[in-house]
N, C-alpha and C. Protein backbone atom coordinates (compact mmCIF):
# COMPACT_ATOMS: atom_id res chain seq x y z
N THR A 1 2.06 -13.92 -22.25
CA THR A 1 2.52 -12.88 -23.14
C THR A 1 1.32 -12.12 -23.67
N HIS A 2 1.43 -10.80 -23.66
CA HIS A 2 0.36 -9.92 -24.14
C HIS A 2 0.92 -9.10 -25.30
N THR A 3 0.22 -9.14 -26.43
CA THR A 3 0.65 -8.40 -27.61
C THR A 3 -0.13 -7.10 -27.70
N ASN A 4 0.59 -6.01 -27.96
CA ASN A 4 -0.03 -4.70 -28.11
C ASN A 4 0.31 -4.19 -29.50
N THR A 5 -0.72 -3.82 -30.25
CA THR A 5 -0.53 -3.31 -31.61
C THR A 5 -1.20 -1.95 -31.71
N THR A 6 -0.47 -0.95 -32.20
CA THR A 6 -1.02 0.38 -32.37
C THR A 6 -1.65 0.51 -33.75
N SER A 7 -2.37 1.59 -33.95
CA SER A 7 -2.88 1.89 -35.29
C SER A 7 -1.75 2.57 -36.07
N ASP A 8 -2.04 2.89 -37.33
CA ASP A 8 -1.03 3.55 -38.17
C ASP A 8 -0.63 4.90 -37.58
N LEU A 9 0.64 5.21 -37.68
CA LEU A 9 1.16 6.53 -37.31
C LEU A 9 1.28 7.30 -38.61
N THR A 10 0.46 8.33 -38.73
CA THR A 10 0.49 9.12 -39.97
C THR A 10 0.85 10.56 -39.66
N SER A 11 1.50 11.18 -40.62
CA SER A 11 1.86 12.60 -40.52
C SER A 11 1.99 13.15 -41.93
N SER A 12 2.37 14.41 -42.00
CA SER A 12 2.56 15.01 -43.33
C SER A 12 3.73 14.37 -44.05
N ALA A 13 4.59 13.65 -43.31
CA ALA A 13 5.74 12.99 -43.93
C ALA A 13 5.36 11.61 -44.47
N GLY A 14 4.16 11.15 -44.17
CA GLY A 14 3.74 9.85 -44.68
C GLY A 14 3.18 8.95 -43.59
N ASN A 15 3.06 7.66 -43.94
CA ASN A 15 2.48 6.67 -43.05
C ASN A 15 3.58 5.73 -42.58
N ALA A 16 3.74 5.61 -41.26
CA ALA A 16 4.77 4.73 -40.71
C ALA A 16 4.24 3.33 -40.44
N GLY A 17 2.93 3.14 -40.56
CA GLY A 17 2.35 1.83 -40.31
C GLY A 17 2.18 1.57 -38.81
N PRO A 18 1.62 0.43 -38.47
CA PRO A 18 1.40 0.10 -37.05
C PRO A 18 2.69 -0.37 -36.38
N ALA A 19 2.68 -0.32 -35.06
CA ALA A 19 3.80 -0.85 -34.27
C ALA A 19 3.26 -1.95 -33.38
N THR A 20 4.05 -3.00 -33.18
CA THR A 20 3.64 -4.13 -32.37
C THR A 20 4.77 -4.51 -31.43
N ASP A 21 4.39 -4.86 -30.18
CA ASP A 21 5.38 -5.34 -29.22
C ASP A 21 4.69 -6.28 -28.24
N ASP A 22 5.46 -7.17 -27.66
CA ASP A 22 4.94 -8.13 -26.69
C ASP A 22 5.38 -7.77 -25.29
N LEU A 23 4.47 -7.96 -24.33
CA LEU A 23 4.77 -7.80 -22.92
C LEU A 23 4.65 -9.18 -22.30
N THR A 24 5.74 -9.64 -21.72
CA THR A 24 5.73 -10.94 -21.06
C THR A 24 5.76 -10.70 -19.56
N VAL A 25 4.77 -11.23 -18.87
CA VAL A 25 4.65 -11.08 -17.42
C VAL A 25 5.21 -12.33 -16.77
N ASP A 26 6.17 -12.12 -15.87
CA ASP A 26 6.78 -13.23 -15.14
C ASP A 26 5.95 -13.51 -13.90
N GLY A 27 5.13 -14.53 -13.94
CA GLY A 27 4.24 -14.89 -12.84
C GLY A 27 4.96 -15.44 -11.63
N SER A 28 6.26 -15.67 -11.71
CA SER A 28 6.98 -16.23 -10.57
C SER A 28 7.50 -15.14 -9.64
N LEU A 29 7.32 -13.86 -10.02
CA LEU A 29 7.80 -12.78 -9.18
C LEU A 29 6.77 -12.42 -8.11
N ALA A 30 7.26 -11.92 -6.99
CA ALA A 30 6.39 -11.52 -5.89
C ALA A 30 5.62 -10.26 -6.26
N SER A 31 4.47 -10.07 -5.60
CA SER A 31 3.70 -8.85 -5.80
C SER A 31 3.54 -8.14 -4.46
N PHE A 32 3.32 -6.83 -4.52
CA PHE A 32 3.17 -5.98 -3.35
C PHE A 32 1.95 -5.11 -3.58
N THR A 33 0.93 -5.24 -2.73
CA THR A 33 -0.30 -4.46 -2.86
C THR A 33 -0.67 -3.87 -1.51
N LYS A 34 -1.58 -2.91 -1.54
CA LYS A 34 -2.13 -2.39 -0.30
C LYS A 34 -3.58 -2.03 -0.50
N SER A 35 -4.34 -2.02 0.61
CA SER A 35 -5.76 -1.69 0.54
C SER A 35 -6.20 -1.07 1.86
N PHE A 36 -7.27 -0.27 1.79
CA PHE A 36 -7.88 0.32 2.98
C PHE A 36 -9.16 -0.44 3.28
N SER A 37 -9.44 -0.65 4.58
CA SER A 37 -10.70 -1.27 4.98
C SER A 37 -11.21 -0.58 6.24
N PRO A 38 -12.34 0.10 6.15
CA PRO A 38 -13.12 0.33 4.94
C PRO A 38 -12.41 1.31 4.01
N SER A 39 -12.82 1.28 2.74
CA SER A 39 -12.19 2.17 1.75
C SER A 39 -12.89 3.51 1.67
N THR A 40 -14.01 3.66 2.39
CA THR A 40 -14.71 4.94 2.51
C THR A 40 -15.02 5.16 3.98
N VAL A 41 -14.59 6.30 4.52
CA VAL A 41 -14.82 6.63 5.93
C VAL A 41 -15.26 8.08 6.05
N ALA A 42 -15.82 8.42 7.21
CA ALA A 42 -16.12 9.82 7.53
C ALA A 42 -14.85 10.48 8.03
N GLY A 43 -14.70 11.78 7.81
CA GLY A 43 -13.53 12.50 8.28
C GLY A 43 -13.31 12.27 9.77
N GLY A 44 -12.05 12.04 10.15
CA GLY A 44 -11.71 11.77 11.54
C GLY A 44 -11.86 10.33 11.95
N SER A 45 -12.30 9.48 11.02
CA SER A 45 -12.51 8.06 11.32
C SER A 45 -11.29 7.23 10.99
N ARG A 46 -11.28 6.03 11.49
CA ARG A 46 -10.17 5.09 11.37
C ARG A 46 -10.41 4.13 10.21
N SER A 47 -9.33 3.78 9.51
CA SER A 47 -9.35 2.76 8.46
C SER A 47 -8.10 1.90 8.65
N THR A 48 -8.22 0.61 8.39
CA THR A 48 -7.07 -0.28 8.50
C THR A 48 -6.41 -0.41 7.14
N LEU A 49 -5.13 -0.11 7.12
CA LEU A 49 -4.32 -0.20 5.91
C LEU A 49 -3.62 -1.55 5.92
N THR A 50 -3.82 -2.35 4.87
CA THR A 50 -3.22 -3.68 4.79
C THR A 50 -2.28 -3.75 3.59
N TYR A 51 -1.04 -4.13 3.85
CA TYR A 51 -0.04 -4.36 2.82
C TYR A 51 0.09 -5.87 2.66
N THR A 52 0.11 -6.35 1.43
CA THR A 52 0.22 -7.79 1.18
C THR A 52 1.42 -8.05 0.27
N PHE A 53 2.27 -8.97 0.70
CA PHE A 53 3.37 -9.47 -0.12
C PHE A 53 2.99 -10.88 -0.51
N ASP A 54 2.79 -11.10 -1.80
CA ASP A 54 2.39 -12.41 -2.31
C ASP A 54 3.55 -13.04 -3.06
N ASN A 55 4.12 -14.04 -2.45
CA ASN A 55 5.23 -14.79 -3.05
C ASN A 55 4.80 -16.23 -3.29
N SER A 56 3.49 -16.43 -3.46
CA SER A 56 2.94 -17.79 -3.56
C SER A 56 3.41 -18.53 -4.81
N THR A 57 3.77 -17.80 -5.87
CA THR A 57 4.27 -18.49 -7.07
C THR A 57 5.79 -18.38 -7.17
N GLY A 58 6.40 -17.74 -6.18
CA GLY A 58 7.85 -17.54 -6.21
C GLY A 58 8.61 -18.79 -5.80
N ALA A 59 9.75 -18.99 -6.43
CA ALA A 59 10.61 -20.13 -6.11
C ALA A 59 11.69 -19.76 -5.11
N ASN A 60 11.82 -18.44 -4.80
CA ASN A 60 12.87 -17.98 -3.90
C ASN A 60 12.28 -17.18 -2.75
N ASP A 61 12.95 -17.23 -1.59
CA ASP A 61 12.55 -16.45 -0.43
C ASP A 61 12.78 -14.97 -0.67
N LEU A 62 11.99 -14.13 -0.01
CA LEU A 62 12.23 -12.69 0.02
C LEU A 62 12.89 -12.41 1.36
N ASN A 63 14.11 -11.92 1.35
CA ASN A 63 14.88 -11.67 2.56
C ASN A 63 15.02 -10.18 2.81
N SER A 64 15.07 -9.80 4.08
CA SER A 64 15.35 -8.41 4.48
C SER A 64 14.44 -7.40 3.77
N LEU A 65 13.16 -7.67 3.77
CA LEU A 65 12.17 -6.82 3.13
C LEU A 65 12.10 -5.46 3.81
N GLN A 66 11.94 -4.39 3.01
CA GLN A 66 11.77 -3.06 3.60
C GLN A 66 11.06 -2.12 2.65
N PHE A 67 10.31 -1.17 3.25
CA PHE A 67 9.66 -0.09 2.50
C PHE A 67 9.22 0.97 3.49
N THR A 68 8.87 2.14 2.94
CA THR A 68 8.34 3.25 3.72
C THR A 68 7.09 3.76 3.04
N ASP A 69 6.12 4.17 3.84
CA ASP A 69 4.90 4.76 3.29
C ASP A 69 4.68 6.11 3.96
N THR A 70 4.86 7.19 3.19
CA THR A 70 4.58 8.53 3.68
C THR A 70 3.18 8.89 3.22
N PHE A 71 2.29 9.14 4.16
CA PHE A 71 0.88 9.33 3.84
C PHE A 71 0.59 10.72 3.28
N PRO A 72 -0.50 10.83 2.51
CA PRO A 72 -0.91 12.14 2.00
C PRO A 72 -1.25 13.09 3.15
N SER A 73 -1.23 14.37 2.89
CA SER A 73 -1.56 15.38 3.89
C SER A 73 -2.94 15.09 4.49
N GLY A 74 -3.01 15.15 5.82
CA GLY A 74 -4.27 14.91 6.52
C GLY A 74 -4.47 13.47 6.97
N MET A 75 -3.60 12.56 6.55
CA MET A 75 -3.70 11.16 6.98
C MET A 75 -2.58 10.88 7.97
N THR A 76 -2.94 10.33 9.12
CA THR A 76 -1.95 10.04 10.15
C THR A 76 -2.16 8.64 10.71
N ILE A 77 -1.16 8.15 11.42
CA ILE A 77 -1.25 6.86 12.08
C ILE A 77 -2.15 7.02 13.30
N ALA A 78 -3.09 6.10 13.48
CA ALA A 78 -4.06 6.15 14.57
C ALA A 78 -3.39 5.87 15.92
N SER A 79 -4.09 6.22 16.97
CA SER A 79 -3.64 5.90 18.32
C SER A 79 -4.75 5.11 19.00
N PRO A 80 -4.52 3.84 19.32
CA PRO A 80 -3.32 3.06 19.04
C PRO A 80 -3.22 2.69 17.57
N ALA A 81 -1.99 2.42 17.13
CA ALA A 81 -1.72 2.13 15.72
C ALA A 81 -2.18 0.72 15.33
N ASN A 82 -2.24 -0.18 16.29
CA ASN A 82 -2.65 -1.57 16.02
C ASN A 82 -1.84 -2.21 14.90
N GLN A 83 -0.54 -1.89 14.80
CA GLN A 83 0.28 -2.49 13.76
C GLN A 83 0.48 -3.97 14.06
N ASN A 84 0.49 -4.76 13.00
CA ASN A 84 0.62 -6.20 13.14
C ASN A 84 1.17 -6.76 11.83
N THR A 85 1.76 -7.96 11.89
CA THR A 85 2.25 -8.60 10.68
C THR A 85 2.23 -10.11 10.80
N THR A 86 2.02 -10.75 9.67
CA THR A 86 2.18 -12.21 9.59
C THR A 86 3.51 -12.54 8.91
N CYS A 87 4.25 -11.50 8.48
CA CYS A 87 5.58 -11.68 7.92
C CYS A 87 6.56 -11.94 9.07
N THR A 88 7.75 -12.43 8.76
CA THR A 88 8.72 -12.70 9.81
C THR A 88 9.92 -11.77 9.71
N ASN A 89 10.58 -11.59 10.84
CA ASN A 89 11.84 -10.84 10.92
C ASN A 89 11.72 -9.40 10.44
N LEU A 90 10.66 -8.72 10.88
CA LEU A 90 10.46 -7.31 10.51
C LEU A 90 10.30 -6.44 11.74
N VAL A 91 10.67 -5.18 11.60
CA VAL A 91 10.41 -4.15 12.61
C VAL A 91 9.45 -3.16 11.97
N LEU A 92 8.29 -2.95 12.62
CA LEU A 92 7.29 -2.00 12.13
C LEU A 92 7.40 -0.73 12.96
N THR A 93 7.53 0.42 12.30
CA THR A 93 7.61 1.69 13.00
C THR A 93 6.38 2.51 12.64
N ALA A 94 5.49 2.69 13.63
CA ALA A 94 4.22 3.37 13.40
C ALA A 94 3.92 4.30 14.58
N PRO A 95 4.56 5.47 14.63
CA PRO A 95 4.31 6.39 15.74
C PRO A 95 2.92 7.03 15.63
N PRO A 96 2.04 6.83 16.64
CA PRO A 96 0.71 7.45 16.58
C PRO A 96 0.81 8.95 16.32
N GLY A 97 -0.02 9.42 15.39
CA GLY A 97 -0.02 10.83 15.01
C GLY A 97 0.99 11.14 13.92
N GLY A 98 1.87 10.19 13.62
CA GLY A 98 2.87 10.40 12.58
C GLY A 98 2.29 10.21 11.20
N SER A 99 3.03 10.65 10.20
CA SER A 99 2.55 10.53 8.81
C SER A 99 3.41 9.59 7.99
N THR A 100 4.34 8.87 8.64
CA THR A 100 5.20 7.92 7.94
C THR A 100 5.20 6.58 8.67
N PHE A 101 4.98 5.52 7.91
CA PHE A 101 5.01 4.15 8.42
C PHE A 101 6.18 3.47 7.73
N SER A 102 7.04 2.80 8.51
CA SER A 102 8.17 2.14 7.89
C SER A 102 8.29 0.69 8.34
N VAL A 103 8.81 -0.11 7.43
CA VAL A 103 9.02 -1.54 7.65
C VAL A 103 10.47 -1.83 7.30
N ASP A 104 11.18 -2.40 8.27
CA ASP A 104 12.60 -2.69 8.09
C ASP A 104 12.90 -4.11 8.58
N PRO A 105 13.97 -4.70 8.06
CA PRO A 105 14.34 -6.05 8.52
C PRO A 105 14.87 -6.00 9.96
N SER A 106 14.51 -7.00 10.75
CA SER A 106 15.03 -7.06 12.12
C SER A 106 16.34 -7.82 12.17
N LEU A 107 16.61 -8.59 11.14
CA LEU A 107 17.81 -9.41 11.09
C LEU A 107 18.30 -9.42 9.64
N PHE A 108 19.50 -8.94 9.40
CA PHE A 108 20.04 -8.85 8.05
C PHE A 108 20.04 -10.23 7.39
N GLY A 109 19.47 -10.31 6.20
CA GLY A 109 19.48 -11.54 5.42
C GLY A 109 18.46 -12.57 5.83
N ALA A 110 17.65 -12.28 6.86
CA ALA A 110 16.68 -13.26 7.34
C ALA A 110 15.47 -13.32 6.41
N VAL A 111 14.87 -14.50 6.32
CA VAL A 111 13.71 -14.70 5.46
C VAL A 111 12.53 -13.90 6.00
N THR A 112 11.91 -13.10 5.15
CA THR A 112 10.72 -12.33 5.50
C THR A 112 9.47 -13.03 4.97
N VAL A 113 9.52 -13.42 3.70
CA VAL A 113 8.42 -14.15 3.07
C VAL A 113 9.02 -15.36 2.37
N ALA A 114 8.65 -16.54 2.81
CA ALA A 114 9.19 -17.77 2.23
C ALA A 114 8.67 -17.98 0.81
N ALA A 115 9.42 -18.73 0.04
CA ALA A 115 8.97 -19.12 -1.30
C ALA A 115 7.65 -19.87 -1.16
N GLY A 116 6.69 -19.55 -2.01
CA GLY A 116 5.40 -20.23 -1.98
C GLY A 116 4.45 -19.71 -0.93
N ALA A 117 4.78 -18.60 -0.27
CA ALA A 117 3.94 -18.08 0.82
C ALA A 117 3.56 -16.62 0.55
N SER A 118 2.70 -16.10 1.39
CA SER A 118 2.36 -14.68 1.36
C SER A 118 2.21 -14.22 2.80
N CYS A 119 2.23 -12.91 3.01
CA CYS A 119 2.06 -12.37 4.35
C CYS A 119 1.47 -10.97 4.26
N THR A 120 0.97 -10.49 5.40
CA THR A 120 0.36 -9.17 5.44
C THR A 120 0.94 -8.35 6.58
N ILE A 121 0.83 -7.04 6.42
CA ILE A 121 1.21 -6.07 7.44
C ILE A 121 0.04 -5.11 7.55
N THR A 122 -0.41 -4.81 8.77
CA THR A 122 -1.53 -3.89 8.95
C THR A 122 -1.17 -2.77 9.91
N VAL A 123 -1.80 -1.61 9.68
CA VAL A 123 -1.67 -0.46 10.57
C VAL A 123 -2.94 0.37 10.40
N ASP A 124 -3.43 0.93 11.51
CA ASP A 124 -4.62 1.79 11.45
C ASP A 124 -4.22 3.23 11.20
N VAL A 125 -5.00 3.90 10.34
CA VAL A 125 -4.77 5.31 10.03
C VAL A 125 -6.05 6.08 10.27
N VAL A 126 -5.90 7.40 10.43
CA VAL A 126 -7.04 8.31 10.59
C VAL A 126 -6.94 9.35 9.49
N ALA A 127 -8.08 9.64 8.86
CA ALA A 127 -8.12 10.62 7.78
C ALA A 127 -8.82 11.88 8.26
N ASN A 128 -8.12 12.99 8.27
CA ASN A 128 -8.67 14.27 8.71
C ASN A 128 -8.76 15.23 7.53
N PHE A 129 -9.52 14.83 6.53
CA PHE A 129 -9.76 15.65 5.34
C PHE A 129 -11.02 15.10 4.70
N SER A 130 -11.46 15.69 3.61
CA SER A 130 -12.55 15.10 2.85
C SER A 130 -12.14 15.06 1.39
N GLY A 131 -12.57 14.02 0.71
CA GLY A 131 -12.21 13.80 -0.68
C GLY A 131 -11.60 12.42 -0.85
N THR A 132 -11.06 12.18 -2.02
CA THR A 132 -10.43 10.89 -2.32
C THR A 132 -8.95 11.12 -2.58
N VAL A 133 -8.12 10.30 -1.95
CA VAL A 133 -6.68 10.37 -2.17
C VAL A 133 -6.16 9.01 -2.59
N VAL A 134 -5.09 9.04 -3.37
CA VAL A 134 -4.37 7.82 -3.70
C VAL A 134 -3.09 7.85 -2.88
N SER A 135 -2.92 6.84 -2.07
CA SER A 135 -1.74 6.73 -1.22
C SER A 135 -0.79 5.72 -1.85
N GLU A 136 0.47 6.13 -2.03
CA GLU A 136 1.45 5.25 -2.66
C GLU A 136 2.69 5.12 -1.78
N SER A 137 3.12 3.88 -1.57
CA SER A 137 4.31 3.62 -0.77
C SER A 137 5.57 3.80 -1.61
N SER A 138 6.70 3.73 -0.96
CA SER A 138 7.96 3.67 -1.69
C SER A 138 8.06 2.30 -2.36
N THR A 139 9.04 2.12 -3.19
CA THR A 139 9.30 0.81 -3.79
C THR A 139 9.80 -0.13 -2.70
N ALA A 140 9.18 -1.28 -2.59
CA ALA A 140 9.62 -2.27 -1.61
C ALA A 140 10.85 -2.99 -2.16
N THR A 141 11.82 -3.18 -1.30
CA THR A 141 13.04 -3.88 -1.72
C THR A 141 13.26 -5.10 -0.83
N TYR A 142 13.98 -6.05 -1.36
CA TYR A 142 14.37 -7.24 -0.60
C TYR A 142 15.68 -7.74 -1.17
N ARG A 143 16.25 -8.69 -0.48
CA ARG A 143 17.49 -9.31 -0.95
C ARG A 143 17.19 -10.75 -1.34
N ASN A 144 17.86 -11.20 -2.40
CA ASN A 144 17.73 -12.61 -2.78
C ASN A 144 18.79 -13.43 -2.05
N SER A 145 18.90 -14.70 -2.38
CA SER A 145 19.85 -15.57 -1.68
C SER A 145 21.30 -15.22 -1.97
N PHE A 146 21.54 -14.36 -2.97
CA PHE A 146 22.90 -13.90 -3.28
C PHE A 146 23.15 -12.51 -2.68
N PHE A 147 22.22 -12.04 -1.84
CA PHE A 147 22.28 -10.74 -1.17
C PHE A 147 22.23 -9.56 -2.14
N GLN A 148 21.66 -9.79 -3.31
CA GLN A 148 21.45 -8.70 -4.26
C GLN A 148 20.12 -8.02 -3.92
N PHE A 149 20.08 -6.69 -4.03
CA PHE A 149 18.83 -5.97 -3.82
C PHE A 149 17.94 -6.14 -5.04
N LEU A 150 16.67 -6.46 -4.80
CA LEU A 150 15.66 -6.56 -5.85
C LEU A 150 14.48 -5.70 -5.43
N GLU A 151 13.68 -5.29 -6.41
CA GLU A 151 12.53 -4.44 -6.13
C GLU A 151 11.23 -5.16 -6.45
N VAL A 152 10.22 -4.93 -5.62
CA VAL A 152 8.89 -5.45 -5.87
C VAL A 152 8.03 -4.36 -6.48
N GLY A 153 8.37 -3.11 -6.23
CA GLY A 153 7.60 -1.98 -6.74
C GLY A 153 6.81 -1.32 -5.64
N PRO A 154 6.22 -0.16 -5.91
CA PRO A 154 5.39 0.50 -4.91
C PRO A 154 4.00 -0.13 -4.87
N ALA A 155 3.28 0.14 -3.79
CA ALA A 155 1.89 -0.30 -3.67
C ALA A 155 1.04 0.95 -3.52
N ARG A 156 -0.17 0.94 -4.11
CA ARG A 156 -1.05 2.10 -4.01
C ARG A 156 -2.48 1.67 -3.76
N ALA A 157 -3.20 2.56 -3.09
CA ALA A 157 -4.62 2.31 -2.80
C ALA A 157 -5.32 3.65 -2.63
N SER A 158 -6.63 3.65 -2.83
CA SER A 158 -7.43 4.86 -2.70
C SER A 158 -8.27 4.82 -1.43
N LEU A 159 -8.39 5.97 -0.79
CA LEU A 159 -9.26 6.13 0.37
C LEU A 159 -10.17 7.32 0.11
N THR A 160 -11.47 7.10 0.27
CA THR A 160 -12.45 8.16 0.12
C THR A 160 -12.92 8.58 1.50
N VAL A 161 -12.86 9.89 1.76
CA VAL A 161 -13.23 10.42 3.08
C VAL A 161 -14.35 11.43 2.88
N SER A 162 -15.49 11.15 3.52
CA SER A 162 -16.62 12.07 3.43
C SER A 162 -16.54 13.05 4.60
N PRO A 163 -17.13 14.23 4.44
CA PRO A 163 -17.09 15.19 5.53
C PRO A 163 -17.75 14.59 6.77
N PRO A 164 -17.25 14.94 7.96
CA PRO A 164 -17.88 14.42 9.17
C PRO A 164 -19.31 14.94 9.26
N GLY A 165 -20.17 14.16 9.90
CA GLY A 165 -21.57 14.56 10.05
C GLY A 165 -21.69 15.84 10.87
N ASP A 166 -22.82 16.52 10.70
CA ASP A 166 -23.06 17.74 11.47
C ASP A 166 -23.18 17.38 12.94
N ILE A 167 -22.61 18.22 13.77
CA ILE A 167 -22.72 18.04 15.22
C ILE A 167 -23.94 18.81 15.67
N GLN A 168 -24.78 18.16 16.45
CA GLN A 168 -25.99 18.81 16.94
C GLN A 168 -25.98 18.84 18.46
N LEU A 169 -26.40 19.92 19.00
CA LEU A 169 -26.52 20.08 20.44
C LEU A 169 -27.99 20.33 20.74
N THR A 170 -28.50 19.53 21.65
CA THR A 170 -29.90 19.67 22.02
C THR A 170 -29.96 20.03 23.50
N LYS A 171 -30.78 21.03 23.82
CA LYS A 171 -30.93 21.47 25.20
C LYS A 171 -32.39 21.31 25.56
N SER A 172 -32.63 20.75 26.72
CA SER A 172 -34.00 20.61 27.15
C SER A 172 -34.12 21.03 28.62
N PHE A 173 -35.31 21.47 29.01
CA PHE A 173 -35.54 21.89 30.37
C PHE A 173 -36.57 20.97 31.02
N GLU A 174 -36.35 20.72 32.29
CA GLU A 174 -37.33 19.94 33.03
C GLU A 174 -38.08 20.88 33.94
N GLY A 175 -39.20 20.44 34.42
CA GLY A 175 -40.01 21.28 35.29
C GLY A 175 -39.26 21.74 36.54
N ASP A 176 -39.71 22.85 37.13
CA ASP A 176 -39.09 23.44 38.32
C ASP A 176 -39.38 22.53 39.52
N PRO A 177 -38.36 22.12 40.31
CA PRO A 177 -38.62 21.19 41.42
C PRO A 177 -39.41 21.79 42.51
């Protein structure tokens, strides 16, 4: 439990005093994160995007997991996409050159991430821009053992892309034969 207390709220109408509230974090819920490796690349270069579902403290399986990630402008799925997963019962859709990566269940109600476990999903992307972007997926959903939809939340990560290096052309002449 985390307690948050504000300072006094004052106005011309008077002083309302501080406000306090508690935030309780349920550590038994699954988490959904993503990261780029490397997190800094040159324009036109490849980075591996890794999504992690951590259910290591969860008492229940995550079934029929699904989410979609629509990439920022200038980011596309690499060719080859090299998509892979350690999760079970999933279909990964990663069309090279596309800007949307999707993960869907291959079998309705099947266990994707067992209780007490975690898994990863990877796909390679190419960044054809320069600057830093924050890429955010849709909210990941799954079904519990009662077939109710639950949400894990979106995952976000930053990728920094530097301008590609200058291209140089060198011409040389050899002696006349």
